[in-house]
Amino acid sequence: MGGGAVAAFPAVAQSASSLAVLDRLTTGQWEVRERGSGTKRQICVRSGYELIQLRHRGAQCSRHVVENGTNEVTIQYTCRGNGYGRTHVRRETGELVQIESQGIADGQPFEFSAEARRTGSCR
């Protein structure tokens, strides 16, 4: 029984430096389209990690890997003094992913579901 808890611990403590799901995405210009609101934004994806902190873009945040599977990853991150979030990315292809994220940004809660698709080269 205790072996299951020990086996689960390394995945939680794992650093965000080696996430195959994000590393296998095709670099370039991506469009992120939020479900419900229809909000669209363009993002230059150089490593796939840009999709983790969509509500905290550019913020220096600590990250903890909650799940690191073959085609999906869940990251929990904390941005000191600027909130936190938890993002789940499911890879469908190297150019299409599904994103679910929630947390606190600028003192306000957020939650969204989005599809991100590669649209070409970065501008």
N, C-alpha and C. Protein backbone atom coordinates (compact mmCIF):
# COMPACT_ATOMS: atom_id res chain seq x y z
N MET A 1 0.83 -1.19 0.00
CA MET A 1 0.00 0.00 0.00
C MET A 1 0.87 1.24 0.00
N GLY A 2 1.91 1.31 0.83
CA GLY A 2 2.78 2.48 0.88
C GLY A 2 3.57 2.67 -0.40
N GLY A 3 3.80 1.61 -1.18
CA GLY A 3 4.55 1.70 -2.42
C GLY A 3 3.86 2.59 -3.44
N GLY A 4 2.54 2.60 -3.48
CA GLY A 4 1.81 3.45 -4.42
C GLY A 4 2.02 4.92 -4.13
N ALA A 5 2.05 5.28 -2.87
CA ALA A 5 2.26 6.68 -2.50
C ALA A 5 3.67 7.11 -2.85
N VAL A 6 4.64 6.23 -2.66
CA VAL A 6 6.03 6.56 -2.98
C VAL A 6 6.19 6.71 -4.48
N ALA A 7 5.57 5.84 -5.26
CA ALA A 7 5.68 5.90 -6.72
C ALA A 7 5.08 7.18 -7.27
N ALA A 8 4.04 7.71 -6.64
CA ALA A 8 3.39 8.92 -7.13
C ALA A 8 4.20 10.17 -6.79
N PHE A 9 5.02 10.14 -5.75
CA PHE A 9 5.74 11.32 -5.29
C PHE A 9 6.68 11.92 -6.33
N PRO A 10 7.51 11.14 -7.06
CA PRO A 10 8.43 11.75 -8.01
C PRO A 10 7.73 12.57 -9.09
N ALA A 11 6.55 12.18 -9.53
CA ALA A 11 5.84 12.94 -10.56
C ALA A 11 5.46 14.32 -10.04
N VAL A 12 5.09 14.41 -8.78
CA VAL A 12 4.72 15.69 -8.20
C VAL A 12 5.94 16.57 -8.00
N ALA A 13 7.05 15.98 -7.61
CA ALA A 13 8.25 16.75 -7.30
C ALA A 13 9.09 17.06 -8.54
N GLN A 14 8.75 16.48 -9.67
CA GLN A 14 9.52 16.63 -10.89
C GLN A 14 9.60 18.09 -11.32
N SER A 15 10.73 18.49 -11.85
CA SER A 15 10.87 19.87 -12.33
C SER A 15 10.20 20.00 -13.68
N ALA A 16 9.95 21.23 -14.08
CA ALA A 16 9.30 21.49 -15.36
C ALA A 16 10.31 21.59 -16.49
N SER A 17 11.51 21.07 -16.29
CA SER A 17 12.56 21.22 -17.31
C SER A 17 12.47 20.17 -18.41
N SER A 18 11.75 19.08 -18.23
CA SER A 18 11.68 18.05 -19.26
C SER A 18 10.25 17.55 -19.41
N LEU A 19 9.49 18.24 -20.22
CA LEU A 19 8.10 17.86 -20.45
C LEU A 19 7.95 17.50 -21.92
N ALA A 20 7.96 16.19 -22.20
CA ALA A 20 7.94 15.70 -23.57
C ALA A 20 6.76 16.25 -24.37
N VAL A 21 5.59 16.38 -23.75
CA VAL A 21 4.42 16.89 -24.45
C VAL A 21 4.70 18.27 -25.05
N LEU A 22 5.27 19.16 -24.26
CA LEU A 22 5.54 20.52 -24.73
C LEU A 22 6.74 20.55 -25.66
N ASP A 23 7.74 19.74 -25.38
CA ASP A 23 8.94 19.70 -26.22
C ASP A 23 8.65 19.20 -27.63
N ARG A 24 7.59 18.40 -27.79
CA ARG A 24 7.26 17.81 -29.09
C ARG A 24 6.33 18.69 -29.93
N LEU A 25 5.97 19.87 -29.45
CA LEU A 25 5.10 20.75 -30.24
C LEU A 25 5.92 21.45 -31.32
N THR A 26 5.29 21.71 -32.44
CA THR A 26 5.95 22.41 -33.54
C THR A 26 6.04 23.89 -33.20
N THR A 27 7.23 24.45 -33.31
CA THR A 27 7.41 25.86 -33.00
C THR A 27 6.77 26.72 -34.07
N GLY A 28 6.49 27.98 -33.73
CA GLY A 28 5.91 28.92 -34.68
C GLY A 28 4.78 29.72 -34.06
N GLN A 29 3.99 30.36 -34.91
CA GLN A 29 2.86 31.18 -34.48
C GLN A 29 1.68 30.26 -34.17
N TRP A 30 1.07 30.45 -33.02
CA TRP A 30 -0.08 29.66 -32.61
C TRP A 30 -1.24 30.60 -32.29
N GLU A 31 -2.45 30.15 -32.60
CA GLU A 31 -3.65 30.89 -32.20
C GLU A 31 -4.30 30.13 -31.06
N VAL A 32 -4.56 30.84 -29.97
CA VAL A 32 -5.24 30.26 -28.81
C VAL A 32 -6.65 30.83 -28.80
N ARG A 33 -7.63 29.94 -28.93
CA ARG A 33 -9.04 30.35 -28.97
C ARG A 33 -9.77 29.79 -27.75
N GLU A 34 -10.23 30.71 -26.89
CA GLU A 34 -10.93 30.29 -25.67
C GLU A 34 -12.35 29.89 -26.00
N ARG A 35 -12.78 28.78 -25.43
CA ARG A 35 -14.16 28.34 -25.60
C ARG A 35 -15.08 29.26 -24.79
N GLY A 36 -16.27 29.44 -25.28
CA GLY A 36 -17.24 30.27 -24.57
C GLY A 36 -17.13 31.73 -24.96
N SER A 37 -16.02 32.36 -24.65
CA SER A 37 -15.85 33.79 -24.95
C SER A 37 -15.44 34.03 -26.39
N GLY A 38 -14.82 33.04 -27.01
CA GLY A 38 -14.34 33.21 -28.38
C GLY A 38 -13.10 34.09 -28.48
N THR A 39 -12.55 34.49 -27.34
CA THR A 39 -11.35 35.31 -27.33
C THR A 39 -10.22 34.58 -28.05
N LYS A 40 -9.53 35.30 -28.94
CA LYS A 40 -8.40 34.72 -29.67
C LYS A 40 -7.16 35.54 -29.39
N ARG A 41 -6.04 34.87 -29.32
CA ARG A 41 -4.76 35.57 -29.20
C ARG A 41 -3.71 34.80 -29.96
N GLN A 42 -2.73 35.51 -30.44
CA GLN A 42 -1.62 34.92 -31.18
C GLN A 42 -0.41 34.85 -30.24
N ILE A 43 0.26 33.70 -30.27
CA ILE A 43 1.43 33.50 -29.42
C ILE A 43 2.53 32.86 -30.26
N CYS A 44 3.73 33.39 -30.11
CA CYS A 44 4.89 32.77 -30.75
C CYS A 44 5.39 31.68 -29.81
N VAL A 45 5.25 30.44 -30.23
CA VAL A 45 5.65 29.30 -29.41
C VAL A 45 7.04 28.85 -29.85
N ARG A 46 7.98 28.98 -28.93
CA ARG A 46 9.36 28.56 -29.20
C ARG A 46 9.69 27.23 -28.55
N SER A 47 8.96 26.91 -27.46
CA SER A 47 9.26 25.67 -26.75
C SER A 47 8.02 24.93 -26.27
N GLY A 48 6.85 25.51 -26.37
CA GLY A 48 5.63 24.91 -25.84
C GLY A 48 5.32 25.39 -24.44
N TYR A 49 6.33 25.85 -23.72
CA TYR A 49 6.13 26.31 -22.34
C TYR A 49 5.33 27.61 -22.29
N GLU A 50 5.26 28.32 -23.40
CA GLU A 50 4.47 29.56 -23.47
C GLU A 50 2.99 29.30 -23.23
N LEU A 51 2.55 28.07 -23.41
CA LEU A 51 1.13 27.72 -23.25
C LEU A 51 0.74 27.45 -21.80
N ILE A 52 1.72 27.37 -20.91
CA ILE A 52 1.44 27.05 -19.50
C ILE A 52 0.87 28.24 -18.74
N GLN A 53 1.45 29.41 -18.90
CA GLN A 53 1.08 30.59 -18.10
C GLN A 53 0.39 31.64 -18.97
N LEU A 54 -0.71 31.31 -19.59
CA LEU A 54 -1.38 32.25 -20.48
C LEU A 54 -1.92 33.48 -19.76
N ARG A 55 -2.31 33.34 -18.50
CA ARG A 55 -2.81 34.49 -17.72
C ARG A 55 -1.69 35.19 -16.95
N HIS A 56 -0.50 34.62 -16.98
CA HIS A 56 0.65 35.20 -16.28
C HIS A 56 1.84 35.27 -17.25
N ARG A 57 1.57 35.69 -18.47
CA ARG A 57 2.62 35.73 -19.49
C ARG A 57 3.77 36.63 -19.06
N GLY A 58 4.97 36.11 -19.21
CA GLY A 58 6.17 36.87 -18.89
C GLY A 58 6.52 36.93 -17.42
N ALA A 59 5.63 36.48 -16.54
CA ALA A 59 5.90 36.52 -15.10
C ALA A 59 6.88 35.41 -14.72
N GLN A 60 7.75 35.71 -13.78
CA GLN A 60 8.67 34.71 -13.23
C GLN A 60 7.91 33.91 -12.18
N CYS A 61 7.64 32.66 -12.47
CA CYS A 61 6.85 31.82 -11.58
C CYS A 61 7.56 30.50 -11.32
N SER A 62 7.35 29.95 -10.14
CA SER A 62 7.87 28.62 -9.86
C SER A 62 6.84 27.62 -10.38
N ARG A 63 7.32 26.51 -10.91
CA ARG A 63 6.42 25.51 -11.50
C ARG A 63 6.64 24.15 -10.87
N HIS A 64 5.56 23.41 -10.73
CA HIS A 64 5.62 22.05 -10.23
C HIS A 64 4.79 21.17 -11.15
N VAL A 65 5.36 20.08 -11.58
CA VAL A 65 4.68 19.15 -12.46
C VAL A 65 3.78 18.25 -11.62
N VAL A 66 2.49 18.26 -11.94
CA VAL A 66 1.53 17.41 -11.26
C VAL A 66 1.38 16.10 -12.03
N GLU A 67 1.35 16.20 -13.37
CA GLU A 67 1.22 15.04 -14.24
C GLU A 67 2.09 15.26 -15.47
N ASN A 68 2.83 14.23 -15.87
CA ASN A 68 3.68 14.33 -17.05
C ASN A 68 3.53 13.04 -17.85
N GLY A 69 2.46 12.98 -18.65
CA GLY A 69 2.18 11.79 -19.43
C GLY A 69 2.70 11.91 -20.85
N THR A 70 2.43 10.90 -21.64
CA THR A 70 2.88 10.86 -23.03
C THR A 70 2.26 11.98 -23.86
N ASN A 71 0.96 12.22 -23.68
CA ASN A 71 0.27 13.23 -24.48
C ASN A 71 -0.42 14.30 -23.65
N GLU A 72 -0.15 14.35 -22.36
CA GLU A 72 -0.74 15.41 -21.55
C GLU A 72 0.15 15.73 -20.36
N VAL A 73 0.02 16.97 -19.92
CA VAL A 73 0.82 17.45 -18.80
C VAL A 73 -0.04 18.41 -17.97
N THR A 74 0.15 18.37 -16.66
CA THR A 74 -0.51 19.32 -15.77
C THR A 74 0.58 19.98 -14.94
N ILE A 75 0.58 21.30 -14.96
CA ILE A 75 1.57 22.10 -14.25
C ILE A 75 0.84 23.02 -13.28
N GLN A 76 1.33 23.09 -12.06
CA GLN A 76 0.84 24.06 -11.10
C GLN A 76 1.96 25.07 -10.91
N TYR A 77 1.64 26.36 -10.96
CA TYR A 77 2.67 27.38 -10.84
C TYR A 77 2.24 28.48 -9.88
N THR A 78 3.23 29.13 -9.29
CA THR A 78 3.00 30.22 -8.35
C THR A 78 3.87 31.40 -8.77
N CYS A 79 3.25 32.56 -8.89
CA CYS A 79 3.95 33.79 -9.26
C CYS A 79 3.90 34.70 -8.04
N ARG A 80 4.98 34.76 -7.29
CA ARG A 80 4.99 35.52 -6.03
C ARG A 80 4.44 36.92 -6.22
N GLY A 81 3.41 37.24 -5.44
CA GLY A 81 2.79 38.56 -5.47
C GLY A 81 1.91 38.80 -6.69
N ASN A 82 1.75 37.79 -7.54
CA ASN A 82 0.96 37.99 -8.76
C ASN A 82 -0.01 36.84 -9.02
N GLY A 83 -0.23 35.97 -8.05
CA GLY A 83 -1.20 34.91 -8.22
C GLY A 83 -0.58 33.56 -8.53
N TYR A 84 -1.43 32.68 -9.03
CA TYR A 84 -1.01 31.30 -9.31
C TYR A 84 -1.95 30.70 -10.33
N GLY A 85 -1.61 29.51 -10.80
CA GLY A 85 -2.47 28.81 -11.74
C GLY A 85 -2.16 27.34 -11.81
N ARG A 86 -3.05 26.65 -12.44
CA ARG A 86 -2.90 25.21 -12.70
C ARG A 86 -3.37 25.00 -14.13
N THR A 87 -2.50 24.50 -14.97
CA THR A 87 -2.81 24.34 -16.39
C THR A 87 -2.61 22.89 -16.82
N HIS A 88 -3.58 22.41 -17.57
CA HIS A 88 -3.54 21.07 -18.14
C HIS A 88 -3.49 21.22 -19.67
N VAL A 89 -2.50 20.61 -20.30
CA VAL A 89 -2.36 20.66 -21.76
C VAL A 89 -2.42 19.23 -22.28
N ARG A 90 -3.33 19.01 -23.23
CA ARG A 90 -3.45 17.70 -23.88
C ARG A 90 -3.06 17.86 -25.35
N ARG A 91 -2.06 17.13 -25.76
CA ARG A 91 -1.56 17.18 -27.13
C ARG A 91 -2.36 16.25 -28.02
N GLU A 92 -2.95 16.81 -29.08
CA GLU A 92 -3.63 15.98 -30.08
C GLU A 92 -2.67 15.67 -31.22
N THR A 93 -1.95 16.71 -31.67
CA THR A 93 -0.89 16.56 -32.66
C THR A 93 0.20 17.56 -32.28
N GLY A 94 1.27 17.59 -33.04
CA GLY A 94 2.33 18.56 -32.78
C GLY A 94 1.90 19.99 -33.06
N GLU A 95 0.73 20.16 -33.68
CA GLU A 95 0.24 21.49 -34.04
C GLU A 95 -1.14 21.79 -33.49
N LEU A 96 -1.64 20.95 -32.57
CA LEU A 96 -2.97 21.16 -31.99
C LEU A 96 -3.00 20.63 -30.56
N VAL A 97 -3.38 21.50 -29.62
CA VAL A 97 -3.50 21.09 -28.21
C VAL A 97 -4.78 21.65 -27.61
N GLN A 98 -5.22 21.00 -26.54
CA GLN A 98 -6.35 21.47 -25.75
C GLN A 98 -5.80 21.94 -24.41
N ILE A 99 -6.28 23.08 -23.93
CA ILE A 99 -5.76 23.68 -22.70
C ILE A 99 -6.90 23.96 -21.75
N GLU A 100 -6.69 23.64 -20.48
CA GLU A 100 -7.62 24.02 -19.41
C GLU A 100 -6.77 24.66 -18.33
N SER A 101 -7.19 25.83 -17.86
CA SER A 101 -6.39 26.54 -16.86
C SER A 101 -7.31 27.26 -15.89
N GLN A 102 -6.85 27.37 -14.66
CA GLN A 102 -7.58 28.11 -13.63
C GLN A 102 -6.61 28.63 -12.60
N GLY A 103 -7.02 29.66 -11.88
CA GLY A 103 -6.16 30.22 -10.84
C GLY A 103 -6.57 31.62 -10.48
N ILE A 104 -5.60 32.41 -10.03
CA ILE A 104 -5.80 33.80 -9.63
C ILE A 104 -4.78 34.66 -10.37
N ALA A 105 -5.25 35.71 -11.03
CA ALA A 105 -4.37 36.67 -11.71
C ALA A 105 -4.87 38.07 -11.41
N ASP A 106 -3.98 38.96 -11.05
CA ASP A 106 -4.35 40.34 -10.70
C ASP A 106 -5.45 40.37 -9.64
N GLY A 107 -5.38 39.45 -8.69
CA GLY A 107 -6.34 39.42 -7.59
C GLY A 107 -7.71 38.88 -7.96
N GLN A 108 -7.89 38.41 -9.19
CA GLN A 108 -9.18 37.90 -9.64
C GLN A 108 -9.07 36.44 -10.09
N PRO A 109 -10.09 35.65 -9.78
CA PRO A 109 -10.06 34.26 -10.23
C PRO A 109 -10.25 34.18 -11.75
N PHE A 110 -9.67 33.16 -12.36
CA PHE A 110 -9.90 32.89 -13.78
C PHE A 110 -10.04 31.40 -13.97
N GLU A 111 -10.74 31.05 -15.03
CA GLU A 111 -10.89 29.66 -15.43
C GLU A 111 -11.26 29.69 -16.91
N PHE A 112 -10.55 28.92 -17.71
CA PHE A 112 -10.88 28.86 -19.12
C PHE A 112 -10.45 27.54 -19.74
N SER A 113 -11.08 27.25 -20.85
CA SER A 113 -10.76 26.10 -21.67
C SER A 113 -10.49 26.65 -23.06
N ALA A 114 -9.45 26.17 -23.72
CA ALA A 114 -9.07 26.73 -25.02
C ALA A 114 -8.49 25.66 -25.93
N GLU A 115 -8.51 25.98 -27.21
CA GLU A 115 -7.82 25.16 -28.20
C GLU A 115 -6.72 26.01 -28.78
N ALA A 116 -5.53 25.45 -28.91
CA ALA A 116 -4.40 26.17 -29.50
C ALA A 116 -3.96 25.40 -30.73
N ARG A 117 -3.77 26.16 -31.81
CA ARG A 117 -3.43 25.56 -33.10
C ARG A 117 -2.32 26.36 -33.76
N ARG A 118 -1.34 25.68 -34.32
CA ARG A 118 -0.26 26.36 -35.03
C ARG A 118 -0.80 26.93 -36.32
N THR A 119 -0.45 28.19 -36.61
CA THR A 119 -0.96 28.85 -37.80
C THR A 119 0.14 29.24 -38.78
N GLY A 120 1.39 29.11 -38.41
CA GLY A 120 2.49 29.46 -39.32
C GLY A 120 3.74 29.81 -38.56
N SER A 121 4.60 30.58 -39.21
CA SER A 121 5.86 31.02 -38.59
C SER A 121 5.62 32.24 -37.72
N CYS A 122 6.47 32.44 -36.73
CA CYS A 122 6.36 33.63 -35.88
C CYS A 122 6.63 34.86 -36.71
N ARG A 123 5.91 35.92 -36.38
CA ARG A 123 6.06 37.19 -37.12
C ARG A 123 7.04 38.08 -36.46
